[in-house]
Protein backbone atom coordinates (compact mmCIF):
# COMPACT_ATOMS: atom_id res chain seq x y z
CA UNK A 1 0.00 0.00 0.00
CA UNK A 2 1.36 3.44 -0.94
CA UNK A 3 0.43 6.47 1.12
CA UNK A 4 -0.10 9.48 -1.10
CA UNK A 5 0.98 12.96 -0.03
CA UNK A 6 -2.34 14.53 -0.98
CA UNK A 7 -5.27 14.27 -3.37
CA UNK A 8 -3.46 16.10 -6.16
CA UNK A 9 -0.61 13.59 -5.96
CA UNK A 10 -2.99 10.64 -6.32
CA UNK A 11 -4.73 12.23 -9.30
CA UNK A 12 -1.41 12.94 -10.98
CA UNK A 13 -0.12 9.38 -10.46
CA UNK A 14 -3.25 7.81 -11.86
CA UNK A 15 -3.49 10.28 -14.74
CA UNK A 16 0.12 9.60 -15.72
CA UNK A 17 -0.57 5.87 -15.68
CA UNK A 18 -3.67 6.26 -17.86
CA UNK A 19 -2.11 8.49 -20.50
CA UNK A 20 0.57 5.85 -21.07
CA UNK A 21 -1.99 3.12 -21.80
CA UNK A 22 -3.01 2.24 -25.38
CA UNK A 23 -1.39 5.23 -27.10
CA UNK A 24 -3.26 6.20 -30.23
CA UNK A 25 -6.37 4.29 -29.12
CA UNK A 26 -9.37 5.16 -26.97
CA UNK A 27 -9.12 4.07 -23.35
CA UNK A 28 -12.35 3.10 -21.54
CA UNK A 29 -12.01 3.78 -17.81
CA UNK A 30 -14.66 2.85 -15.26
CA UNK A 31 -14.70 4.40 -11.78
CA UNK A 32 -16.35 2.10 -9.28
CA UNK A 33 -17.35 2.19 -5.62
CA UNK A 34 -20.28 2.21 -3.24
CA UNK A 35 -22.88 4.98 -3.05
CA UNK A 36 -21.48 8.13 -1.48
CA UNK A 37 -17.83 7.23 -1.99
CA UNK A 38 -17.19 10.22 -4.28
CA UNK A 39 -17.01 8.70 -7.77
CA UNK A 40 -18.39 11.59 -9.81
CA UNK A 41 -16.15 14.22 -8.27
CA UNK A 42 -13.15 11.91 -8.64
CA UNK A 43 -13.95 11.36 -12.33
CA UNK A 44 -14.20 15.07 -13.04
CA UNK A 45 -10.89 15.83 -11.36
CA UNK A 46 -9.18 12.89 -13.04
CA UNK A 47 -10.41 14.03 -16.46
CA UNK A 48 -8.84 17.44 -15.83
CA UNK A 49 -5.58 15.79 -14.73
CA UNK A 50 -5.47 13.65 -17.87
CA UNK A 51 -6.06 16.66 -20.11
CA UNK A 52 -3.31 18.61 -18.32
CA UNK A 53 -0.93 15.89 -19.53
CA UNK A 54 -1.92 16.44 -23.15
CA UNK A 55 -4.38 13.62 -23.81
CA UNK A 56 -8.07 14.36 -24.43
CA UNK A 57 -10.48 13.18 -21.73
CA UNK A 58 -14.25 12.71 -21.81
CA UNK A 59 -16.34 12.30 -18.66
CA UNK A 60 -19.63 10.59 -19.54
CA UNK A 61 -22.24 11.38 -16.86
CA UNK A 62 -23.81 8.21 -15.43
CA UNK A 63 -27.01 10.14 -14.56
CA UNK A 64 -27.85 9.84 -18.25
CA UNK A 65 -27.79 6.05 -18.19
CA UNK A 66 -30.65 5.10 -15.89
CA UNK A 67 -33.68 3.05 -16.78
CA UNK A 68 -37.09 4.72 -16.87
CA UNK A 69 -38.92 4.92 -13.52
CA UNK A 70 -41.22 2.00 -14.27
CA UNK A 71 -38.21 -0.28 -14.73
CA UNK A 72 -36.24 1.21 -11.82
CA UNK A 73 -39.03 0.52 -9.34
CA UNK A 74 -40.22 -2.75 -10.82
CA UNK A 75 -39.19 -4.66 -7.68
CA UNK A 76 -40.40 -1.94 -5.31
CA UNK A 77 -39.20 1.56 -4.41
CA UNK A 78 -37.30 0.27 -1.36
CA UNK A 79 -35.89 -2.89 -2.92
CA UNK A 80 -32.11 -3.22 -2.68
CA UNK A 81 -32.10 -6.01 -5.26
CA UNK A 82 -34.22 -3.80 -7.51
CA UNK A 83 -31.72 -0.96 -7.31
CA UNK A 84 -28.84 -3.33 -8.00
CA UNK A 85 -30.48 -4.97 -11.00
CA UNK A 86 -32.70 -2.27 -12.47
CA UNK A 87 -31.35 1.22 -11.75
CA UNK A 88 -28.86 1.57 -14.59
CA UNK A 89 -29.32 0.88 -18.29
CA UNK A 90 -26.09 -1.05 -18.64
CA UNK A 91 -27.19 -2.63 -21.93
CA UNK A 92 -27.23 0.82 -23.51
CA UNK A 93 -23.92 1.67 -21.86
CA UNK A 94 -22.37 -1.42 -23.42
CA UNK A 95 -23.96 -1.18 -26.85
CA UNK A 96 -23.90 2.58 -27.33
CA UNK A 97 -20.77 3.64 -25.44
CA UNK A 98 -18.27 0.93 -24.55
CA UNK A 99 -18.42 -1.14 -27.73
CA UNK A 100 -18.28 1.84 -30.14
CA UNK A 101 -15.29 3.17 -28.18
CA UNK A 102 -13.53 -0.18 -28.14
CA UNK A 103 -11.32 -1.91 -30.71
CA UNK A 104 -12.77 -1.56 -34.18
CA UNK A 105 -15.55 0.74 -32.97
CA UNK A 106 -16.74 3.82 -34.81
CA UNK A 107 -15.93 6.22 -31.97
CA UNK A 108 -19.46 7.63 -32.01
CA UNK A 109 -21.07 7.18 -28.60
CA UNK A 110 -24.24 8.15 -26.78
CA UNK A 111 -23.70 10.98 -24.29
CA UNK A 112 -27.01 10.20 -22.58
CA UNK A 113 -29.95 7.83 -23.13
CA UNK A 114 -32.35 9.03 -20.43
CA UNK A 115 -33.37 12.22 -18.61
CA UNK A 116 -33.87 11.64 -14.88
CA UNK A 117 -36.09 14.68 -14.37
CA UNK A 118 -38.55 14.14 -17.22
CA UNK A 119 -38.07 10.34 -17.43
CA UNK A 120 -37.74 10.75 -21.20
CA UNK A 121 -35.77 8.27 -23.30
CA UNK A 122 -33.18 10.06 -25.45
CA UNK A 123 -32.09 8.45 -28.69
CA UNK A 124 -30.15 11.13 -30.54
CA UNK A 125 -27.60 12.60 -28.09
CA UNK A 126 -24.29 11.46 -29.58
CA UNK A 127 -20.72 12.62 -29.90
CA UNK A 128 -17.51 11.31 -31.43
CA UNK A 129 -14.48 10.66 -29.24
CA UNK A 130 -11.00 11.49 -30.51
CA UNK A 131 -9.04 8.37 -31.39
CA UNK A 132 -6.73 8.74 -28.38
CA UNK A 133 -9.34 9.90 -25.83
CA UNK A 134 -9.50 8.67 -22.26
CA UNK A 135 -13.21 8.12 -21.60
CA UNK A 136 -14.32 8.02 -17.95
CA UNK A 137 -17.62 6.69 -16.62
CA UNK A 138 -18.30 6.65 -12.88
CA UNK A 139 -21.09 4.56 -11.35
CA UNK A 140 -21.78 1.80 -8.89
CA UNK A 141 -22.08 -1.80 -10.19
CA UNK A 142 -19.96 -1.27 -13.33
CA UNK A 143 -18.06 -4.52 -12.81
CA UNK A 144 -21.09 -6.74 -13.12
CA UNK A 145 -20.50 -9.78 -15.31
CA UNK A 146 -21.77 -8.34 -18.58
CA UNK A 147 -19.62 -5.20 -18.38
CA UNK A 148 -16.33 -6.27 -16.84
CA UNK A 149 -14.64 -7.27 -20.10
CA UNK A 150 -15.51 -3.96 -21.78
CA UNK A 151 -13.34 -1.76 -19.54
CA UNK A 152 -9.68 -1.17 -20.31
CA UNK A 153 -9.06 0.07 -16.75
CA UNK A 154 -11.25 0.11 -13.65
CA UNK A 155 -10.55 2.35 -10.67
CA UNK A 156 -12.24 1.09 -7.52
CA UNK A 157 -12.73 3.70 -4.80
CA UNK A 158 -12.73 1.79 -1.55
CA UNK A 159 -14.04 3.32 1.68
CA UNK A 160 -15.31 2.62 5.13
CA UNK A 161 -19.06 2.10 4.68
CA UNK A 162 -20.05 4.52 7.43
CA UNK A 163 -17.91 7.30 5.96
CA UNK A 164 -19.47 6.80 2.53
CA UNK A 165 -22.93 6.64 4.10
CA UNK A 166 -22.43 9.98 5.87
CA UNK A 167 -21.33 11.68 2.67
CA UNK A 168 -24.11 10.15 0.61
CA UNK A 169 -26.90 11.01 3.03
CA UNK A 170 -25.62 14.57 3.46
CA UNK A 171 -25.53 15.00 -0.32
CA UNK A 172 -29.01 13.56 -0.87
CA UNK A 173 -30.80 14.87 2.25
CA UNK A 174 -32.59 17.75 0.53
CA UNK A 175 -33.77 15.55 -2.32
CA UNK A 176 -34.99 12.82 0.05
CA UNK A 177 -36.74 15.00 2.61
CA UNK A 178 -34.06 15.21 5.29
CA UNK A 179 -31.08 13.41 6.75
CA UNK A 180 -33.13 10.79 8.60
CA UNK A 181 -35.13 9.91 5.49
CA UNK A 182 -31.94 9.73 3.42
CA UNK A 183 -30.31 7.48 5.99
CA UNK A 184 -33.30 5.14 5.96
CA UNK A 185 -33.26 4.99 2.14
CA UNK A 186 -29.56 4.19 2.11
CA UNK A 187 -29.99 1.46 4.71
CA UNK A 188 -32.87 -0.22 2.92
CA UNK A 189 -32.04 0.35 -0.76
CA UNK A 190 -28.88 2.14 -1.87
CA UNK A 191 -26.13 0.95 0.46
CA UNK A 192 -27.94 -2.37 0.81
CA UNK A 193 -27.63 -2.80 -2.96
CA UNK A 194 -23.94 -1.99 -2.73
CA UNK A 195 -23.50 -4.75 -0.17
CA UNK A 196 -25.02 -7.21 -2.64
CA UNK A 197 -22.61 -6.03 -5.30
CA UNK A 198 -19.57 -6.32 -3.03
CA UNK A 199 -20.46 -9.89 -2.11
CA UNK A 200 -21.48 -11.09 -5.58
CA UNK A 201 -18.79 -9.42 -7.68
CA UNK A 202 -15.86 -8.60 -5.34
CA UNK A 203 -15.09 -5.44 -7.34
CA UNK A 204 -12.07 -4.43 -5.28
CA UNK A 205 -10.09 -7.51 -6.28
CA UNK A 206 -11.16 -7.22 -9.94
CA UNK A 207 -10.16 -3.57 -10.40
CA UNK A 208 -6.83 -2.60 -11.98
CA UNK A 209 -6.47 0.45 -9.71
CA UNK A 210 -7.62 0.67 -6.09
CA UNK A 211 -7.81 3.86 -4.04
CA UNK A 212 -8.76 4.05 -0.37
CA UNK A 213 -11.18 6.99 -0.50
CA UNK A 214 -12.41 6.93 3.08
CA UNK A 215 -10.97 10.45 3.44
CA UNK A 216 -11.26 12.13 0.02
CA UNK A 217 -8.71 14.78 0.98
CA UNK A 218 -6.13 12.13 1.96
CA UNK A 219 -6.70 9.20 -0.40
CA UNK A 220 -4.34 6.25 -0.44
CA UNK A 221 -3.28 4.62 -3.69
CA UNK A 222 -3.42 0.95 -2.75
CA UNK A 223 -2.78 -0.68 -6.12
CA UNK A 224 -2.12 0.40 -9.69
CA UNK A 225 -1.85 -2.25 -12.38
CA UNK A 226 -2.40 -6.00 -12.12
């Protein structure tokens, strides 16, 4: 385990590793971890670090890759298994993002397939990635069986569950009606789904890069490269 000096140091080390991978080809990077661990912020900062080293970076927002509400709540609004299996449209992620950006792909990818606010399905939001782009996608559950082989690198943000829970509930309290309501939702659905994922897929051991993100301001780079 390597103790990093600070967050900037960790970002720089990982960015330097990524820009050296698959030169002249697109690099598909997944950022994994439980709810509240800080994946989206990490992805945005890492994209900036990659670009500062001269390689284009694209951060695809996972909020645009959910299923419609009817599918998301098919197993019940409080179901942990339902969140794990039905929240994200991973088929579209694979078919419309990861495969087109992989070997032999066209490079044209969907930037979003769904609008969370309106619940509308979006079919025509596309862009083309430069041939040497580092493409980052941050979401929970991205190392499920059908997706694992489509990533070139996976960064797993590890964290003490309680620390991640505190951050997640604080972030979502307003949207969920208060801290207590957010905590209850995490216990019954969101973090409960993450526990299923950790047991069934063991994402930490599968990832190529592991960062202890219990304290986001003092992350620890635990492993880089397998």
